[in-house]
């Protein structure tokens, strides 16, 4: 609960900075709704039961009830803030016999926030430039599942927070085209609670539309979280990966 409250506090601070965008003119902001065509491969264990998961994006899309993804940054000189969140609701229903109906609903979200600082940047010829921006923050994951068998409901609500450190590299080829490489590691140990993420993106910004930027790339996230014992044992060991497309609005 302490980690959850801390994370919510950090998100509120980040939203407060965004709300003052029109007042704090030295700040620059970018909000980018995006689509991560996620594939999932891994294993989840609850108590004595373990299940292997191998779902493509099209498989997940068939069970999608709701989905939202948003990335945001704020910069003032070399100092920066970032936030990244995705939240999806999945459901499924099977009827193994005419008298038995099984329904499942899953609420899954990953929310990250933190601070960054540009430690190096250089302007090359022909509008080429490069920068290195390390960052530190937290990544909060929620995974809440409800299974209904006839009129009986079974719930398993799990959430955890990963401290995260990472690096972002930006390289602009010219005034229109740019690229971004992002990688980070998180967690509290290397055996039962760790994660790492990497992404590569290409961006395009028309000089006539200075407040709009398009992104296309690929993201990978590995998560392992283990807690409890016996009937309360929970183990989430999952890889999420797939292409990303988004549009950033700069103001």
Protein backbone atom coordinates (compact mmCIF):
# COMPACT_ATOMS: atom_id res chain seq x y z
CA UNK A 1 0.00 0.00 0.00
CA UNK A 2 2.89 2.40 0.79
CA UNK A 3 4.37 1.89 -2.68
CA UNK A 4 0.96 2.44 -4.27
CA UNK A 5 0.36 5.70 -2.40
CA UNK A 6 3.85 6.92 -3.28
CA UNK A 7 3.30 6.14 -6.93
CA UNK A 8 -0.10 7.89 -7.00
CA UNK A 9 1.52 10.92 -5.37
CA UNK A 10 4.20 11.00 -8.08
CA UNK A 11 1.56 10.82 -10.79
CA UNK A 12 -0.36 13.69 -9.23
CA UNK A 13 2.79 15.81 -9.15
CA UNK A 14 3.39 15.02 -12.82
CA UNK A 15 -0.18 15.94 -13.74
CA UNK A 16 0.20 19.18 -11.79
CA UNK A 17 3.18 20.14 -13.94
CA UNK A 18 1.14 19.46 -17.08
CA UNK A 19 -1.77 21.55 -15.76
CA UNK A 20 0.54 24.56 -15.47
CA UNK A 21 1.70 24.30 -19.07
CA UNK A 22 0.15 27.62 -20.10
CA UNK A 23 1.55 29.43 -17.05
CA UNK A 24 5.08 28.03 -16.87
CA UNK A 25 6.22 29.20 -20.30
CA UNK A 26 9.86 27.99 -19.91
CA UNK A 27 8.56 24.41 -19.85
CA UNK A 28 7.93 22.41 -23.03
CA UNK A 29 5.41 19.58 -22.98
CA UNK A 30 4.55 16.62 -25.16
CA UNK A 31 1.54 14.30 -24.88
CA UNK A 32 1.50 11.24 -27.13
CA UNK A 33 -1.40 8.77 -27.26
CA UNK A 34 -0.14 5.54 -28.81
CA UNK A 35 -0.92 1.95 -29.67
CA UNK A 36 1.34 -0.87 -28.51
CA UNK A 37 0.39 -3.99 -30.47
CA UNK A 38 1.36 -6.24 -27.58
CA UNK A 39 2.19 -9.93 -27.76
CA UNK A 40 2.56 -11.91 -24.51
CA UNK A 41 4.65 -15.00 -23.83
CA UNK A 42 5.33 -16.40 -20.37
CA UNK A 43 3.91 -18.15 -17.35
CA UNK A 44 1.66 -17.15 -14.46
CA UNK A 45 1.26 -19.23 -11.29
CA UNK A 46 -1.41 -18.78 -8.63
CA UNK A 47 -1.13 -21.17 -5.69
CA UNK A 48 -0.61 -24.68 -7.07
CA UNK A 49 -2.00 -23.80 -10.52
CA UNK A 50 0.31 -22.69 -13.32
CA UNK A 51 -0.59 -21.63 -16.86
CA UNK A 52 1.53 -20.95 -19.92
CA UNK A 53 0.50 -17.85 -21.88
CA UNK A 54 1.25 -17.40 -25.57
CA UNK A 55 -1.00 -14.69 -26.96
CA UNK A 56 -0.52 -12.66 -30.12
CA UNK A 57 -1.90 -9.15 -30.49
CA UNK A 58 -4.79 -10.45 -32.60
CA UNK A 59 -5.62 -12.99 -29.86
CA UNK A 60 -5.70 -10.25 -27.23
CA UNK A 61 -7.71 -7.97 -29.51
CA UNK A 62 -10.47 -10.56 -29.67
CA UNK A 63 -10.86 -10.30 -25.88
CA UNK A 64 -10.36 -6.54 -25.55
CA UNK A 65 -13.13 -4.58 -23.81
CA UNK A 66 -11.18 -1.37 -23.24
CA UNK A 67 -7.69 -0.02 -23.81
CA UNK A 68 -5.86 3.29 -23.32
CA UNK A 69 -2.18 4.24 -23.68
CA UNK A 70 -0.52 7.62 -23.15
CA UNK A 71 3.06 8.92 -22.93
CA UNK A 72 3.98 12.39 -21.70
CA UNK A 73 7.10 14.45 -21.05
CA UNK A 74 7.90 17.88 -19.65
CA UNK A 75 11.25 19.63 -20.04
CA UNK A 76 12.81 22.79 -18.70
CA UNK A 77 16.36 23.26 -19.94
CA UNK A 78 18.10 19.93 -19.16
CA UNK A 79 15.66 18.81 -16.48
CA UNK A 80 12.73 16.59 -17.42
CA UNK A 81 9.71 14.67 -16.16
CA UNK A 82 8.04 11.72 -17.84
CA UNK A 83 4.95 9.57 -17.48
CA UNK A 84 3.88 6.48 -19.40
CA UNK A 85 0.72 4.45 -18.86
CA UNK A 86 -1.27 1.67 -20.43
CA UNK A 87 -4.51 0.14 -19.14
CA UNK A 88 -6.55 -2.65 -20.72
CA UNK A 89 -9.60 -4.70 -19.77
CA UNK A 90 -9.83 -8.23 -21.19
CA UNK A 91 -12.67 -10.72 -20.91
CA UNK A 92 -13.37 -14.28 -22.00
CA UNK A 93 -16.19 -16.77 -21.66
CA UNK A 94 -16.29 -20.53 -22.23
CA UNK A 95 -19.02 -23.11 -21.75
CA UNK A 96 -17.46 -26.57 -21.41
CA UNK A 97 -20.88 -28.17 -20.77
CA UNK A 98 -24.46 -26.92 -21.23
CA UNK A 99 -24.77 -26.50 -17.44
CA UNK A 100 -21.44 -24.80 -16.75
CA UNK A 101 -20.46 -21.32 -17.89
CA UNK A 102 -17.05 -19.88 -17.02
CA UNK A 103 -16.36 -16.16 -17.35
CA UNK A 104 -13.05 -14.39 -16.78
CA UNK A 105 -12.22 -10.69 -16.63
CA UNK A 106 -8.76 -9.20 -16.32
CA UNK A 107 -7.77 -5.61 -15.52
CA UNK A 108 -4.15 -5.04 -16.46
CA UNK A 109 -2.14 -1.84 -16.31
CA UNK A 110 1.45 -0.61 -16.34
CA UNK A 111 2.16 2.96 -15.22
CA UNK A 112 5.56 4.61 -15.06
CA UNK A 113 6.72 8.05 -13.92
CA UNK A 114 9.99 9.71 -13.01
CA UNK A 115 12.59 12.41 -13.59
CA UNK A 116 15.36 12.79 -16.15
CA UNK A 117 18.33 15.01 -16.91
CA UNK A 118 20.13 15.62 -20.22
CA UNK A 119 23.78 15.05 -19.35
CA UNK A 120 25.17 15.52 -22.86
CA UNK A 121 24.00 17.04 -26.12
CA UNK A 122 25.75 18.11 -29.29
CA UNK A 123 24.70 19.97 -32.43
CA UNK A 124 26.21 18.55 -35.62
CA UNK A 125 26.05 19.98 -39.13
CA UNK A 126 22.90 19.97 -41.28
CA UNK A 127 20.51 20.08 -38.28
CA UNK A 128 21.87 16.82 -36.89
CA UNK A 129 21.95 16.64 -33.10
CA UNK A 130 22.26 14.05 -30.37
CA UNK A 131 21.53 13.90 -26.64
CA UNK A 132 21.85 11.45 -23.76
CA UNK A 133 19.23 11.58 -21.00
CA UNK A 134 19.39 9.19 -18.01
CA UNK A 135 16.22 8.84 -15.95
CA UNK A 136 15.01 7.33 -12.69
CA UNK A 137 11.51 6.59 -11.49
CA UNK A 138 9.03 3.82 -10.75
CA UNK A 139 6.90 1.40 -12.75
CA UNK A 140 3.64 0.26 -11.16
CA UNK A 141 1.88 -2.89 -12.42
CA UNK A 142 -1.63 -4.03 -11.57
CA UNK A 143 -3.05 -7.39 -12.58
CA UNK A 144 -6.54 -8.03 -11.21
CA UNK A 145 -8.48 -11.11 -12.35
CA UNK A 146 -12.01 -12.28 -11.63
CA UNK A 147 -13.25 -15.76 -12.62
CA UNK A 148 -16.95 -16.58 -12.36
CA UNK A 149 -18.01 -20.22 -12.28
CA UNK A 150 -21.82 -20.41 -12.32
CA UNK A 151 -22.64 -17.94 -9.50
CA UNK A 152 -19.36 -18.28 -7.63
CA UNK A 153 -16.67 -15.62 -8.04
CA UNK A 154 -12.95 -16.03 -7.50
CA UNK A 155 -10.71 -12.93 -7.37
CA UNK A 156 -6.95 -12.46 -7.45
CA UNK A 157 -5.71 -8.89 -7.20
CA UNK A 158 -1.96 -8.35 -7.45
CA UNK A 159 0.04 -5.13 -7.82
CA UNK A 160 3.67 -4.19 -7.39
CA UNK A 161 6.11 -1.33 -7.96
CA UNK A 162 9.54 -1.50 -9.61
CA UNK A 163 12.14 1.21 -8.93
CA UNK A 164 13.57 1.97 -12.39
CA UNK A 165 16.77 3.50 -13.80
CA UNK A 166 17.37 3.94 -17.51
CA UNK A 167 18.83 5.88 -20.39
CA UNK A 168 17.32 7.61 -23.41
CA UNK A 169 19.28 8.60 -26.52
CA UNK A 170 17.86 11.00 -29.10
CA UNK A 171 19.42 11.51 -32.51
CA UNK A 172 17.95 13.86 -35.12
CA UNK A 173 19.01 13.08 -38.68
CA UNK A 174 17.64 16.41 -39.95
CA UNK A 175 14.80 18.83 -39.23
CA UNK A 176 12.16 16.20 -40.05
CA UNK A 177 13.47 12.77 -39.09
CA UNK A 178 14.73 11.59 -35.73
CA UNK A 179 15.29 8.44 -33.69
CA UNK A 180 15.04 7.43 -30.04
CA UNK A 181 16.57 4.52 -28.14
CA UNK A 182 15.30 3.82 -24.62
CA UNK A 183 16.33 1.11 -22.13
CA UNK A 184 15.90 0.59 -18.40
CA UNK A 185 16.12 -1.97 -15.60
CA UNK A 186 13.93 -2.19 -12.53
CA UNK A 187 12.99 -4.22 -9.48
CA UNK A 188 14.41 -4.95 -6.05
CA UNK A 189 16.43 -8.13 -6.68
CA UNK A 190 17.56 -10.42 -9.50
CA UNK A 191 15.66 -13.56 -8.50
CA UNK A 192 12.03 -12.81 -7.61
CA UNK A 193 11.42 -9.15 -8.50
CA UNK A 194 12.98 -7.63 -11.59
CA UNK A 195 12.12 -6.12 -14.95
CA UNK A 196 13.81 -4.63 -17.95
CA UNK A 197 12.54 -2.70 -20.91
CA UNK A 198 13.90 -1.52 -24.27
CA UNK A 199 12.48 0.41 -27.20
CA UNK A 200 13.61 1.81 -30.55
CA UNK A 201 11.61 4.47 -32.39
CA UNK A 202 11.72 6.64 -35.49
CA UNK A 203 9.96 10.01 -35.47
CA UNK A 204 8.80 12.40 -38.18
CA UNK A 205 7.92 16.06 -37.72
CA UNK A 206 6.90 18.25 -40.65
CA UNK A 207 8.44 21.75 -40.29
CA UNK A 208 5.01 23.20 -41.13
CA UNK A 209 3.44 21.28 -38.21
CA UNK A 210 5.84 22.05 -35.40
CA UNK A 211 3.40 20.94 -32.71
CA UNK A 212 2.78 17.44 -34.08
CA UNK A 213 5.20 14.51 -34.28
CA UNK A 214 4.55 10.95 -35.50
CA UNK A 215 6.27 7.90 -33.99
CA UNK A 216 6.83 4.34 -35.15
CA UNK A 217 8.91 1.73 -33.36
CA UNK A 218 9.15 -1.41 -31.28
CA UNK A 219 9.04 -2.05 -27.52
CA UNK A 220 10.02 -5.00 -25.33
CA UNK A 221 9.28 -5.49 -21.63
CA UNK A 222 10.26 -8.45 -19.42
CA UNK A 223 8.67 -8.74 -15.97
CA UNK A 224 9.18 -11.22 -13.14
CA UNK A 225 7.39 -10.83 -9.83
CA UNK A 226 7.05 -13.55 -7.21
CA UNK A 227 5.35 -13.29 -3.82
CA UNK A 228 3.59 -15.36 -1.16
CA UNK A 229 3.62 -19.10 -0.51
CA UNK A 230 1.26 -22.04 -0.51
CA UNK A 231 -2.23 -21.14 -1.69
CA UNK A 232 -1.22 -17.45 -1.71
CA UNK A 233 1.79 -18.01 -3.97
CA UNK A 234 1.89 -15.80 -7.07
CA UNK A 235 4.47 -15.80 -9.85
CA UNK A 236 4.26 -13.55 -12.92
CA UNK A 237 7.02 -14.21 -15.46
CA UNK A 238 6.06 -12.53 -18.72
CA UNK A 239 7.48 -10.99 -21.88
CA UNK A 240 5.48 -8.26 -23.61
CA UNK A 241 6.63 -7.08 -27.02
CA UNK A 242 5.39 -5.62 -30.28
CA UNK A 243 5.34 -2.61 -32.62
CA UNK A 244 4.35 0.86 -31.41
CA UNK A 245 2.70 3.72 -33.31
CA UNK A 246 1.78 7.08 -31.84
CA UNK A 247 1.29 10.80 -32.37
CA UNK A 248 2.84 13.41 -30.11
CA UNK A 249 1.34 16.86 -29.49
CA UNK A 250 3.93 19.45 -28.45
CA UNK A 251 3.08 22.67 -26.64
